[in-house]
Amino acid sequence: MELLMSILIGLMFMAATYLILSKSLLRIILGTAILSHGVNLLILTMGGLKKRKGSPT
């Protein structure tokens, strides 16, 4: 699961960087929003997934 999240975060950072480097103000705002969501996902992913005690998986 962490690998999938890492790939998703990388794609979000790539798209955000592309949008922020454009000249349109709307694209810059959208890129900043995507970047902030990517950072939040990065922080959550770095925390790791914890398995509950007694969980069958």
C-alpha atoms as a PDB file:
ATOM      1  CA  MET A   1       0.000   0.000   0.000  1.00  0.00           C
ATOM      2  CA  GLU A   2       2.854   2.364   0.784  1.00  0.00           C
ATOM      3  CA  LEU A   3       4.305   1.794  -2.685  1.00  0.00           C
ATOM      4  CA  LEU A   4       1.025   2.768  -4.325  1.00  0.00           C
ATOM      5  CA  MET A   5       0.772   5.885  -2.165  1.00  0.00           C
ATOM      6  CA  SER A   6       4.362   6.836  -2.998  1.00  0.00           C
ATOM      7  CA  ILE A   7       3.654   6.584  -6.721  1.00  0.00           C
ATOM      8  CA  LEU A   8       0.480   8.659  -6.326  1.00  0.00           C
ATOM      9  CA  ILE A   9       2.360  11.305  -4.335  1.00  0.00           C
ATOM     10  CA  GLY A  10       5.077  11.457  -6.996  1.00  0.00           C
ATOM     11  CA  LEU A  11       2.485  11.946  -9.730  1.00  0.00           C
ATOM     12  CA  MET A  12       0.785  14.693  -7.720  1.00  0.00           C
ATOM     13  CA  PHE A  13       4.108  16.495  -7.193  1.00  0.00           C
ATOM     14  CA  MET A  14       4.892  16.185 -10.896  1.00  0.00           C
ATOM     15  CA  ALA A  15       1.519  17.601 -11.943  1.00  0.00           C
ATOM     16  CA  ALA A  16       1.712  20.383  -9.349  1.00  0.00           C
ATOM     17  CA  THR A  17       5.186  21.426 -10.479  1.00  0.00           C
ATOM     18  CA  TYR A  18       4.036  21.522 -14.106  1.00  0.00           C
ATOM     19  CA  LEU A  19       1.014  23.648 -13.236  1.00  0.00           C
ATOM     20  CA  ILE A  20       2.925  26.038 -10.959  1.00  0.00           C
ATOM     21  CA  LEU A  21       5.476  26.760 -13.709  1.00  0.00           C
ATOM     22  CA  SER A  22       2.795  27.929 -16.159  1.00  0.00           C
ATOM     23  CA  LYS A  23       1.851  31.561 -16.747  1.00  0.00           C
ATOM     24  CA  SER A  24      -1.874  31.244 -16.048  1.00  0.00           C
ATOM     25  CA  LEU A  25      -2.925  32.325 -12.562  1.00  0.00           C
ATOM     26  CA  LEU A  26      -5.668  29.691 -12.402  1.00  0.00           C
ATOM     27  CA  ARG A  27      -3.174  26.911 -13.166  1.00  0.00           C
ATOM     28  CA  ILE A  28      -0.795  28.235 -10.501  1.00  0.00           C
ATOM     29  CA  ILE A  29      -3.574  28.179  -7.910  1.00  0.00           C
ATOM     30  CA  LEU A  30      -4.622  24.672  -8.953  1.00  0.00           C
ATOM     31  CA  GLY A  31      -1.003  23.491  -8.814  1.00  0.00           C
ATOM     32  CA  THR A  32      -0.596  24.907  -5.318  1.00  0.00           C
ATOM     33  CA  ALA A  33      -3.735  23.091  -4.176  1.00  0.00           C
ATOM     34  CA  ILE A  34      -2.528  19.793  -5.650  1.00  0.00           C
ATOM     35  CA  LEU A  35       0.870  20.298  -4.044  1.00  0.00           C
ATOM     36  CA  SER A  36      -0.673  20.855  -0.618  1.00  0.00           C
ATOM     37  CA  HIS A  37      -2.748  17.678  -0.944  1.00  0.00           C
ATOM     38  CA  GLY A  38       0.365  15.781  -2.004  1.00  0.00           C
ATOM     39  CA  VAL A  39       2.266  17.002   1.044  1.00  0.00           C
ATOM     40  CA  ASN A  40      -0.575  15.887   3.332  1.00  0.00           C
ATOM     41  CA  LEU A  41      -0.563  12.436   1.726  1.00  0.00           C
ATOM     42  CA  LEU A  42       3.220  12.292   2.109  1.00  0.00           C
ATOM     43  CA  ILE A  43       2.992  13.010   5.825  1.00  0.00           C
ATOM     44  CA  LEU A  44       0.292  10.370   6.300  1.00  0.00           C
ATOM     45  CA  THR A  45       2.244   7.795   4.297  1.00  0.00           C
ATOM     46  CA  MET A  46       5.437   8.439   6.257  1.00  0.00           C
ATOM     47  CA  GLY A  47       3.494   7.614   9.420  1.00  0.00           C
ATOM     48  CA  GLY A  48       2.985   4.115   8.038  1.00  0.00           C
ATOM     49  CA  LEU A  49       0.044   1.794   8.169  1.00  0.00           C
ATOM     50  CA  LYS A  50      -0.462   0.181  11.539  1.00  0.00           C
ATOM     51  CA  LYS A  51      -2.160  -3.184  11.840  1.00  0.00           C
ATOM     52  CA  ARG A  52      -4.555  -3.682  14.712  1.00  0.00           C
ATOM     53  CA  LYS A  53      -3.925  -6.436  17.239  1.00  0.00           C
ATOM     54  CA  GLY A  54      -6.049  -9.440  16.533  1.00  0.00           C
ATOM     55  CA  SER A  55      -6.469  -8.515  12.895  1.00  0.00           C
ATOM     56  CA  PRO A  56      -6.498 -11.625  10.650  1.00  0.00           C
ATOM     57  CA  THR A  57      -4.393  -9.924   7.964  1.00  0.00           C
END
